[in-house]
């Protein structure tokens, strides 16, 4: 299935994005259209197809669920600090405390 999606995406004249993005979009569109009618085993098969597509296009799986279902952080990425995403220095916190 992944090979077929890759071939379709690469030979399409109507795509605006890269062939990889187009193939992933086709697969996501199919999964979303099926909705609740999609059986669990079929959904698992389609999720594995996404992993095969990533392998075919040599894309990393970081930042997504791995084949084992665990969330992986992108290299060098850590959780943001506050609402603005900035981290407060510990020294700054000591300076601005009310006494």
PDB file of N, CA and C in Angstrom:
ATOM      1  N   UNK A   1       0.828  -1.186   0.000  1.00  0.00           N
ATOM      2  CA  UNK A   1       0.000   0.000   0.000  1.00  0.00           C
ATOM      3  C   UNK A   1       0.878   1.259   0.000  1.00  0.00           C
ATOM      4  N   UNK A   2       1.946   1.239   0.810  1.00  0.00           N
ATOM      5  CA  UNK A   2       2.823   2.403   0.887  1.00  0.00           C
ATOM      6  C   UNK A   2       3.515   2.651  -0.453  1.00  0.00           C
ATOM      7  N   UNK A   3       3.926   1.579  -1.111  1.00  0.00           N
ATOM      8  CA  UNK A   3       4.588   1.727  -2.411  1.00  0.00           C
ATOM      9  C   UNK A   3       3.616   2.319  -3.439  1.00  0.00           C
ATOM     10  N   UNK A   4       2.373   1.901  -3.376  1.00  0.00           N
ATOM     11  CA  UNK A   4       1.361   2.423  -4.291  1.00  0.00           C
ATOM     12  C   UNK A   4       1.112   3.911  -4.043  1.00  0.00           C
ATOM     13  N   UNK A   5       1.022   4.302  -2.779  1.00  0.00           N
ATOM     14  CA  UNK A   5       0.834   5.712  -2.440  1.00  0.00           C
ATOM     15  C   UNK A   5       2.026   6.554  -2.891  1.00  0.00           C
ATOM     16  N   UNK A   6       3.223   6.002  -2.697  1.00  0.00           N
ATOM     17  CA  UNK A   6       4.424   6.726  -3.123  1.00  0.00           C
ATOM     18  C   UNK A   6       4.424   6.937  -4.630  1.00  0.00           C
ATOM     19  N   UNK A   7       4.105   5.884  -5.368  1.00  0.00           N
ATOM     20  CA  UNK A   7       4.068   5.992  -6.824  1.00  0.00           C
ATOM     21  C   UNK A   7       3.012   6.995  -7.279  1.00  0.00           C
ATOM     22  N   UNK A   8       1.833   6.940  -6.675  1.00  0.00           N
ATOM     23  CA  UNK A   8       0.763   7.871  -7.033  1.00  0.00           C
ATOM     24  C   UNK A   8       1.173   9.314  -6.759  1.00  0.00           C
ATOM     25  N   UNK A   9       1.790   9.539  -5.612  1.00  0.00           N
ATOM     26  CA  UNK A   9       2.188  10.897  -5.238  1.00  0.00           C
ATOM     27  C   UNK A   9       3.276  11.431  -6.163  1.00  0.00           C
ATOM     28  N   UNK A  10       4.205  10.571  -6.548  1.00  0.00           N
ATOM     29  CA  UNK A  10       5.311  11.026  -7.390  1.00  0.00           C
ATOM     30  C   UNK A  10       4.882  11.290  -8.831  1.00  0.00           C
ATOM     31  N   UNK A  11       3.851  10.601  -9.299  1.00  0.00           N
ATOM     32  CA  UNK A  11       3.421  10.770 -10.680  1.00  0.00           C
ATOM     33  C   UNK A  11       2.264  11.753 -10.842  1.00  0.00           C
ATOM     34  N   UNK A  12       1.761  12.271  -9.732  1.00  0.00           N
ATOM     35  CA  UNK A  12       0.635  13.194  -9.791  1.00  0.00           C
ATOM     36  C   UNK A  12       1.078  14.573 -10.265  1.00  0.00           C
ATOM     37  N   UNK A  13       0.280  15.159 -11.133  1.00  0.00           N
ATOM     38  CA  UNK A  13       0.537  16.515 -11.602  1.00  0.00           C
ATOM     39  C   UNK A  13      -0.260  17.545 -10.807  1.00  0.00           C
ATOM     40  N   UNK A  14      -1.143  17.067  -9.912  1.00  0.00           N
ATOM     41  CA  UNK A  14      -2.047  17.971  -9.213  1.00  0.00           C
ATOM     42  C   UNK A  14      -1.602  18.293  -7.799  1.00  0.00           C
ATOM     43  N   UNK A  15      -0.450  17.857  -7.394  1.00  0.00           N
ATOM     44  CA  UNK A  15      -0.036  18.090  -6.013  1.00  0.00           C
ATOM     45  C   UNK A  15       0.674  19.429  -5.859  1.00  0.00           C
ATOM     46  N   UNK A  16       0.526  20.009  -4.689  1.00  0.00           N
ATOM     47  CA  UNK A  16       1.173  21.282  -4.388  1.00  0.00           C
ATOM     48  C   UNK A  16       2.345  21.073  -3.425  1.00  0.00           C
ATOM     49  N   UNK A  17       2.258  20.032  -2.613  1.00  0.00           N
ATOM     50  CA  UNK A  17       3.293  19.757  -1.627  1.00  0.00           C
ATOM     51  C   UNK A  17       4.292  18.742  -2.188  1.00  0.00           C
ATOM     52  N   UNK A  18       5.236  18.348  -1.353  1.00  0.00           N
ATOM     53  CA  UNK A  18       6.215  17.340  -1.750  1.00  0.00           C
ATOM     54  C   UNK A  18       5.509  15.991  -1.925  1.00  0.00           C
ATOM     55  N   UNK A  19       6.108  15.062  -2.659  1.00  0.00           N
ATOM     56  CA  UNK A  19       5.483  13.744  -2.821  1.00  0.00           C
ATOM     57  C   UNK A  19       5.247  13.041  -1.488  1.00  0.00           C
ATOM     58  N   UNK A  20       6.187  13.198  -0.547  1.00  0.00           N
ATOM     59  CA  UNK A  20       6.009  12.586   0.773  1.00  0.00           C
ATOM     60  C   UNK A  20       4.764  13.130   1.464  1.00  0.00           C
ATOM     61  N   UNK A  21       4.643  14.442   1.499  1.00  0.00           N
ATOM     62  CA  UNK A  21       3.492  15.073   2.156  1.00  0.00           C
ATOM     63  C   UNK A  21       2.191  14.695   1.454  1.00  0.00           C
ATOM     64  N   UNK A  22       2.246  14.607   0.140  1.00  0.00           N
ATOM     65  CA  UNK A  22       1.070  14.238  -0.624  1.00  0.00           C
ATOM     66  C   UNK A  22       0.626  12.803  -0.306  1.00  0.00           C
ATOM     67  N   UNK A  23       1.590  11.890  -0.238  1.00  0.00           N
ATOM     68  CA  UNK A  23       1.274  10.493   0.081  1.00  0.00           C
ATOM     69  C   UNK A  23       0.686  10.379   1.486  1.00  0.00           C
ATOM     70  N   UNK A  24       1.277  11.103   2.440  1.00  0.00           N
ATOM     71  CA  UNK A  24       0.756  11.081   3.817  1.00  0.00           C
ATOM     72  C   UNK A  24      -0.645  11.678   3.865  1.00  0.00           C
ATOM     73  N   UNK A  25      -0.869  12.719   3.086  1.00  0.00           N
ATOM     74  CA  UNK A  25      -2.191  13.346   3.056  1.00  0.00           C
ATOM     75  C   UNK A  25      -3.241  12.401   2.493  1.00  0.00           C
ATOM     76  N   UNK A  26      -2.871  11.668   1.445  1.00  0.00           N
ATOM     77  CA  UNK A  26      -3.815  10.695   0.869  1.00  0.00           C
ATOM     78  C   UNK A  26      -4.198   9.648   1.903  1.00  0.00           C
ATOM     79  N   UNK A  27      -3.197   9.163   2.632  1.00  0.00           N
ATOM     80  CA  UNK A  27      -3.451   8.137   3.644  1.00  0.00           C
ATOM     81  C   UNK A  27      -4.297   8.688   4.790  1.00  0.00           C
ATOM     82  N   UNK A  28      -3.973   9.885   5.252  1.00  0.00           N
ATOM     83  CA  UNK A  28      -4.742  10.511   6.337  1.00  0.00           C
ATOM     84  C   UNK A  28      -6.181  10.786   5.905  1.00  0.00           C
ATOM     85  N   UNK A  29      -6.338  11.229   4.661  1.00  0.00           N
ATOM     86  CA  UNK A  29      -7.674  11.486   4.136  1.00  0.00           C
ATOM     87  C   UNK A  29      -8.508  10.209   4.164  1.00  0.00           C
ATOM     88  N   UNK A  30      -7.927   9.116   3.721  1.00  0.00           N
ATOM     89  CA  UNK A  30      -8.636   7.831   3.726  1.00  0.00           C
ATOM     90  C   UNK A  30      -9.022   7.433   5.149  1.00  0.00           C
ATOM     91  N   UNK A  31      -8.085   7.584   6.090  1.00  0.00           N
ATOM     92  CA  UNK A  31      -8.356   7.198   7.478  1.00  0.00           C
ATOM     93  C   UNK A  31      -9.456   8.076   8.079  1.00  0.00           C
ATOM     94  N   UNK A  32      -9.411   9.370   7.791  1.00  0.00           N
ATOM     95  CA  UNK A  32     -10.415  10.283   8.341  1.00  0.00           C
ATOM     96  C   UNK A  32     -11.796  10.041   7.739  1.00  0.00           C
ATOM     97  N   UNK A  33     -11.836   9.731   6.453  1.00  0.00           N
ATOM     98  CA  UNK A  33     -13.122   9.462   5.798  1.00  0.00           C
ATOM     99  C   UNK A  33     -13.759   8.196   6.338  1.00  0.00           C
ATOM    100  N   UNK A  34     -12.944   7.212   6.650  1.00  0.00           N
ATOM    101  CA  UNK A  34     -13.478   5.956   7.178  1.00  0.00           C
ATOM    102  C   UNK A  34     -14.039   6.156   8.584  1.00  0.00           C
ATOM    103  N   UNK A  35     -13.389   6.995   9.354  1.00  0.00           N
ATOM    104  CA  UNK A  35     -13.872   7.352  10.679  1.00  0.00           C
ATOM    105  C   UNK A  35     -14.123   6.167  11.584  1.00  0.00           C
ATOM    106  N   UNK A  36     -15.297   6.127  12.193  1.00  0.00           N
ATOM    107  CA  UNK A  36     -15.647   5.083  13.155  1.00  0.00           C
ATOM    108  C   UNK A  36     -15.853   3.727  12.489  1.00  0.00           C
ATOM    109  N   UNK A  37     -16.084   3.703  11.183  1.00  0.00           N
ATOM    110  CA  UNK A  37     -16.277   2.438  10.492  1.00  0.00           C
ATOM    111  C   UNK A  37     -14.967   1.674  10.311  1.00  0.00           C
ATOM    112  N   UNK A  38     -13.842   2.326  10.562  1.00  0.00           N
ATOM    113  CA  UNK A  38     -12.536   1.688  10.411  1.00  0.00           C
ATOM    114  C   UNK A  38     -12.288   0.774  11.602  1.00  0.00           C
ATOM    115  N   UNK A  39     -12.090  -0.504  11.329  1.00  0.00           N
ATOM    116  CA  UNK A  39     -11.858  -1.490  12.391  1.00  0.00           C
ATOM    117  C   UNK A  39     -10.473  -1.276  12.979  1.00  0.00           C
ATOM    118  N   UNK A  40     -10.294  -1.728  14.208  1.00  0.00           N
ATOM    119  CA  UNK A  40      -9.031  -1.522  14.920  1.00  0.00           C
ATOM    120  C   UNK A  40      -7.856  -2.152  14.186  1.00  0.00           C
ATOM    121  N   UNK A  41      -8.031  -3.358  13.662  1.00  0.00           N
ATOM    122  CA  UNK A  41      -6.921  -4.006  12.962  1.00  0.00           C
ATOM    123  C   UNK A  41      -6.588  -3.291  11.654  1.00  0.00           C
ATOM    124  N   UNK A  42      -7.608  -2.735  10.999  1.00  0.00           N
ATOM    125  CA  UNK A  42      -7.364  -1.971   9.772  1.00  0.00           C
ATOM    126  C   UNK A  42      -6.633  -0.667  10.088  1.00  0.00           C
ATOM    127  N   UNK A  43      -7.021  -0.032  11.199  1.00  0.00           N
ATOM    128  CA  UNK A  43      -6.377   1.207  11.605  1.00  0.00           C
ATOM    129  C   UNK A  43      -4.906   0.956  11.934  1.00  0.00           C
ATOM    130  N   UNK A  44      -4.632  -0.150  12.638  1.00  0.00           N
ATOM    131  CA  UNK A  44      -3.249  -0.503  12.952  1.00  0.00           C
ATOM    132  C   UNK A  44      -2.432  -0.717  11.677  1.00  0.00           C
ATOM    133  N   UNK A  45      -3.047  -1.370  10.707  1.00  0.00           N
ATOM    134  CA  UNK A  45      -2.369  -1.620   9.434  1.00  0.00           C
ATOM    135  C   UNK A  45      -2.046  -0.298   8.730  1.00  0.00           C
ATOM    136  N   UNK A  46      -2.971   0.632   8.762  1.00  0.00           N
ATOM    137  CA  UNK A  46      -2.751   1.929   8.125  1.00  0.00           C
ATOM    138  C   UNK A  46      -1.710   2.763   8.871  1.00  0.00           C
ATOM    139  N   UNK A  47      -1.680   2.655  10.194  1.00  0.00           N
ATOM    140  CA  UNK A  47      -0.660   3.351  10.980  1.00  0.00           C
ATOM    141  C   UNK A  47       0.725   2.789  10.649  1.00  0.00           C
ATOM    142  N   UNK A  48       0.818   1.485  10.458  1.00  0.00           N
ATOM    143  CA  UNK A  48       2.089   0.872  10.069  1.00  0.00           C
ATOM    144  C   UNK A  48       2.480   1.306   8.660  1.00  0.00           C
ATOM    145  N   UNK A  49       1.483   1.542   7.819  1.00  0.00           N
ATOM    146  CA  UNK A  49       1.748   2.028   6.464  1.00  0.00           C
ATOM    147  C   UNK A  49       2.409   3.401   6.529  1.00  0.00           C
ATOM    148  N   UNK A  50       2.017   4.230   7.495  1.00  0.00           N
ATOM    149  CA  UNK A  50       2.663   5.535   7.673  1.00  0.00           C
ATOM    150  C   UNK A  50       4.148   5.351   7.985  1.00  0.00           C
ATOM    151  N   UNK A  51       4.459   4.373   8.849  1.00  0.00           N
ATOM    152  CA  UNK A  51       5.858   4.110   9.179  1.00  0.00           C
ATOM    153  C   UNK A  51       6.638   3.642   7.954  1.00  0.00           C
ATOM    154  N   UNK A  52       6.002   2.811   7.118  1.00  0.00           N
ATOM    155  CA  UNK A  52       6.658   2.337   5.895  1.00  0.00           C
ATOM    156  C   UNK A  52       6.907   3.510   4.959  1.00  0.00           C
ATOM    157  N   UNK A  53       5.932   4.417   4.843  1.00  0.00           N
ATOM    158  CA  UNK A  53       6.114   5.609   4.010  1.00  0.00           C
ATOM    159  C   UNK A  53       7.283   6.453   4.512  1.00  0.00           C
ATOM    160  N   UNK A  54       7.373   6.617   5.828  1.00  0.00           N
ATOM    161  CA  UNK A  54       8.493   7.377   6.389  1.00  0.00           C
ATOM    162  C   UNK A  54       9.817   6.715   6.034  1.00  0.00           C
ATOM    163  N   UNK A  55       9.857   5.386   6.091  1.00  0.00           N
ATOM    164  CA  UNK A  55      11.073   4.661   5.722  1.00  0.00           C
ATOM    165  C   UNK A  55      11.386   4.837   4.236  1.00  0.00           C
ATOM    166  N   UNK A  56      10.362   4.758   3.382  1.00  0.00           N
ATOM    167  CA  UNK A  56      10.573   4.901   1.943  1.00  0.00           C
ATOM    168  C   UNK A  56      11.134   6.270   1.578  1.00  0.00           C
ATOM    169  N   UNK A  57      10.662   7.295   2.273  1.00  0.00           N
ATOM    170  CA  UNK A  57      11.115   8.657   2.009  1.00  0.00           C
ATOM    171  C   UNK A  57      12.257   9.075   2.932  1.00  0.00           C
ATOM    172  N   UNK A  58      12.744   8.135   3.730  1.00  0.00           N
ATOM    173  CA  UNK A  58      13.857   8.366   4.647  1.00  0.00           C
ATOM    174  C   UNK A  58      13.587   9.545   5.574  1.00  0.00           C
ATOM    175  N   UNK A  59      12.409   9.540   6.148  1.00  0.00           N
ATOM    176  CA  UNK A  59      12.026  10.582   7.104  1.00  0.00           C
ATOM    177  C   UNK A  59      12.125  10.015   8.514  1.00  0.00           C
ATOM    178  N   UNK A  60      12.548  10.820   9.485  1.00  0.00           N
ATOM    179  CA  UNK A  60      12.670  10.330  10.864  1.00  0.00           C
ATOM    180  C   UNK A  60      11.305  10.173  11.525  1.00  0.00           C
ATOM    181  N   UNK A  61      11.269   9.307  12.505  1.00  0.00           N
ATOM    182  CA  UNK A  61      10.031   9.132  13.262  1.00  0.00           C
ATOM    183  C   UNK A  61      10.094   9.886  14.581  1.00  0.00           C
ATOM    184  N   UNK A  62      11.130  10.707  14.793  1.00  0.00           N
ATOM    185  CA  UNK A  62      11.244  11.460  16.033  1.00  0.00           C
ATOM    186  C   UNK A  62      10.127  12.487  16.115  1.00  0.00           C
ATOM    187  N   UNK A  63       9.663  12.711  17.330  1.00  0.00           N
ATOM    188  CA  UNK A  63       8.581  13.658  17.532  1.00  0.00           C
ATOM    189  C   UNK A  63       7.218  13.039  17.288  1.00  0.00           C
ATOM    190  N   UNK A  64       7.208  11.768  16.972  1.00  0.00           N
ATOM    191  CA  UNK A  64       5.954  11.047  16.738  1.00  0.00           C
ATOM    192  C   UNK A  64       5.990   9.780  17.571  1.00  0.00           C
ATOM    193  N   UNK A  65       4.908   9.036  17.536  1.00  0.00           N
ATOM    194  CA  UNK A  65       4.913   7.747  18.196  1.00  0.00           C
ATOM    195  C   UNK A  65       5.768   6.785  17.385  1.00  0.00           C
ATOM    196  N   UNK A  66       6.583   6.019  18.076  1.00  0.00           N
ATOM    197  CA  UNK A  66       7.415   5.043  17.397  1.00  0.00           C
ATOM    198  C   UNK A  66       6.586   3.802  17.087  1.00  0.00           C
ATOM    199  N   UNK A  67       7.204   2.832  16.453  1.00  0.00           N
ATOM    200  CA  UNK A  67       6.512   1.593  16.119  1.00  0.00           C
ATOM    201  C   UNK A  67       6.016   0.876  17.370  1.00  0.00           C
ATOM    202  N   UNK A  68       6.675   1.141  18.509  1.00  0.00           N
ATOM    203  CA  UNK A  68       6.265   0.520  19.763  1.00  0.00           C
ATOM    204  C   UNK A  68       5.224   1.355  20.509  1.00  0.00           C
ATOM    205  N   UNK A  69       4.840   2.482  19.939  1.00  0.00           N
ATOM    206  CA  UNK A  69       3.785   3.295  20.540  1.00  0.00           C
ATOM    207  C   UNK A  69       4.270   4.289  21.564  1.00  0.00           C
ATOM    208  N   UNK A  70       5.591   4.465  21.697  1.00  0.00           N
ATOM    209  CA  UNK A  70       6.110   5.422  22.672  1.00  0.00           C
ATOM    210  C   UNK A  70       6.379   6.751  22.002  1.00  0.00           C
ATOM    211  N   UNK A  71       6.121   7.810  22.721  1.00  0.00           N
ATOM    212  CA  UNK A  71       6.375   9.155  22.215  1.00  0.00           C
ATOM    213  C   UNK A  71       7.871   9.441  22.321  1.00  0.00           C
ATOM    214  N   UNK A  72       8.429   9.980  21.249  1.00  0.00           N
ATOM    215  CA  UNK A  72       9.856  10.288  21.197  1.00  0.00           C
ATOM    216  C   UNK A  72      10.016  11.776  20.995  1.00  0.00           C
ATOM    217  N   UNK A  73      10.888  12.404  21.801  1.00  0.00           N
ATOM    218  CA  UNK A  73      11.150  13.830  21.622  1.00  0.00           C
ATOM    219  C   UNK A  73      12.127  14.021  20.484  1.00  0.00           C
ATOM    220  N   UNK A  74      12.044  15.162  19.837  1.00  0.00           N
ATOM    221  CA  UNK A  74      13.003  15.493  18.799  1.00  0.00           C
ATOM    222  C   UNK A  74      14.350  15.746  19.461  1.00  0.00           C
ATOM    223  N   UNK A  75      15.438  15.430  18.776  1.00  0.00           N
ATOM    224  CA  UNK A  75      16.761  15.643  19.374  1.00  0.00           C
ATOM    225  C   UNK A  75      16.970  17.092  19.781  1.00  0.00           C
ATOM    226  N   UNK A  76      17.449  17.296  21.000  1.00  0.00           N
ATOM    227  CA  UNK A  76      17.730  18.639  21.484  1.00  0.00           C
ATOM    228  C   UNK A  76      16.505  19.415  21.912  1.00  0.00           C
ATOM    229  N   UNK A  77      15.344  18.800  21.883  1.00  0.00           N
ATOM    230  CA  UNK A  77      14.110  19.506  22.238  1.00  0.00           C
ATOM    231  C   UNK A  77      13.679  19.102  23.640  1.00  0.00           C
ATOM    232  N   UNK A  78      13.368  20.079  24.442  1.00  0.00           N
ATOM    233  CA  UNK A  78      12.840  19.819  25.763  1.00  0.00           C
ATOM    234  C   UNK A  78      11.542  20.593  25.915  1.00  0.00           C
ATOM    235  N   UNK A  79      10.829  20.293  26.949  1.00  0.00           N
ATOM    236  CA  UNK A  79       9.535  20.940  27.165  1.00  0.00           C
ATOM    237  C   UNK A  79       9.719  22.434  27.422  1.00  0.00           C
ATOM    238  N   UNK A  80       8.796  23.266  26.929  1.00  0.00           N
ATOM    239  CA  UNK A  80       8.898  24.708  27.158  1.00  0.00           C
ATOM    240  C   UNK A  80       8.681  25.053  28.621  1.00  0.00           C
ATOM    241  N   UNK A  81       9.176  26.222  29.016  1.00  0.00           N
ATOM    242  CA  UNK A  81       9.096  26.628  30.408  1.00  0.00           C
ATOM    243  C   UNK A  81       7.730  27.105  30.832  1.00  0.00           C
ATOM    244  N   UNK A  82       7.310  28.228  30.352  1.00  0.00           N
ATOM    245  CA  UNK A  82       6.051  28.808  30.791  1.00  0.00           C
ATOM    246  C   UNK A  82       5.117  29.032  29.634  1.00  0.00           C
ATOM    247  N   UNK A  83       4.102  29.888  29.838  1.00  0.00           N
ATOM    248  CA  UNK A  83       3.151  30.137  28.760  1.00  0.00           C
ATOM    249  C   UNK A  83       3.791  30.723  27.512  1.00  0.00           C
ATOM    250  N   UNK A  84       4.859  31.484  27.685  1.00  0.00           N
ATOM    251  CA  UNK A  84       5.515  32.082  26.529  1.00  0.00           C
ATOM    252  C   UNK A  84       6.554  31.149  25.929  1.00  0.00           C
ATOM    253  N   UNK A  85       6.813  30.016  26.595  1.00  0.00           N
ATOM    254  CA  UNK A  85       7.804  29.073  26.115  1.00  0.00           C
ATOM    255  C   UNK A  85       9.205  29.401  26.587  1.00  0.00           C
ATOM    256  N   UNK A  86       9.362  30.506  27.314  1.00  0.00           N
ATOM    257  CA  UNK A  86      10.684  30.875  27.807  1.00  0.00           C
ATOM    258  C   UNK A  86      10.902  30.269  29.177  1.00  0.00           C
ATOM    259  N   UNK A  87      12.148  29.957  29.430  1.00  0.00           N
ATOM    260  CA  UNK A  87      12.492  29.393  30.735  1.00  0.00           C
ATOM    261  C   UNK A  87      13.051  30.513  31.618  1.00  0.00           C
ATOM    262  N   UNK A  88      12.680  30.459  32.850  1.00  0.00           N
ATOM    263  CA  UNK A  88      13.212  31.436  33.790  1.00  0.00           C
ATOM    264  C   UNK A  88      14.494  30.876  34.383  1.00  0.00           C
ATOM    265  N   UNK A  89      15.501  31.720  34.499  1.00  0.00           N
ATOM    266  CA  UNK A  89      16.739  31.316  35.139  1.00  0.00           C
ATOM    267  C   UNK A  89      16.494  31.172  36.628  1.00  0.00           C
ATOM    268  N   UNK A  90      17.142  30.226  37.241  1.00  0.00           N
ATOM    269  CA  UNK A  90      16.999  30.057  38.684  1.00  0.00           C
ATOM    270  C   UNK A  90      17.512  31.300  39.384  1.00  0.00           C
ATOM    271  N   UNK A  91      18.610  31.887  38.869  1.00  0.00           N
ATOM    272  CA  UNK A  91      19.156  33.116  39.468  1.00  0.00           C
ATOM    273  C   UNK A  91      18.143  34.252  39.365  1.00  0.00           C
ATOM    274  N   UNK A  92      17.450  34.373  38.257  1.00  0.00           N
ATOM    275  CA  UNK A  92      16.444  35.411  38.088  1.00  0.00           C
ATOM    276  C   UNK A  92      15.306  35.237  39.076  1.00  0.00           C
ATOM    277  N   UNK A  93      14.934  34.001  39.341  1.00  0.00           N
ATOM    278  CA  UNK A  93      13.842  33.754  40.280  1.00  0.00           C
ATOM    279  C   UNK A  93      14.243  34.205  41.684  1.00  0.00           C
ATOM    280  N   UNK A  94      15.516  34.029  42.034  1.00  0.00           N
ATOM    281  CA  UNK A  94      15.980  34.418  43.361  1.00  0.00           C
ATOM    282  C   UNK A  94      15.980  35.941  43.499  1.00  0.00           C
ATOM    283  N   UNK A  95      16.357  36.655  42.428  1.00  0.00           N
ATOM    284  CA  UNK A  95      16.429  38.115  42.476  1.00  0.00           C
ATOM    285  C   UNK A  95      15.051  38.740  42.633  1.00  0.00           C
ATOM    286  N   UNK A  96      14.042  38.161  42.029  1.00  0.00           N
ATOM    287  CA  UNK A  96      12.738  38.814  41.966  1.00  0.00           C
ATOM    288  C   UNK A  96      11.724  38.285  42.974  1.00  0.00           C
ATOM    289  N   UNK A  97      12.166  37.601  43.961  1.00  0.00           N
ATOM    290  CA  UNK A  97      11.208  37.116  44.955  1.00  0.00           C
ATOM    291  C   UNK A  97      10.857  38.234  45.929  1.00  0.00           C
ATOM    292  N   UNK A  98       9.615  38.264  46.331  1.00  0.00           N
ATOM    293  CA  UNK A  98       9.173  39.248  47.328  1.00  0.00           C
ATOM    294  C   UNK A  98       9.494  38.714  48.704  1.00  0.00           C
ATOM    295  N   UNK A  99      10.038  39.579  49.536  1.00  0.00           N
ATOM    296  CA  UNK A  99      10.378  39.138  50.887  1.00  0.00           C
ATOM    297  C   UNK A  99       9.581  39.879  51.896  1.00  0.00           C
TER     298      UNK A  99
END
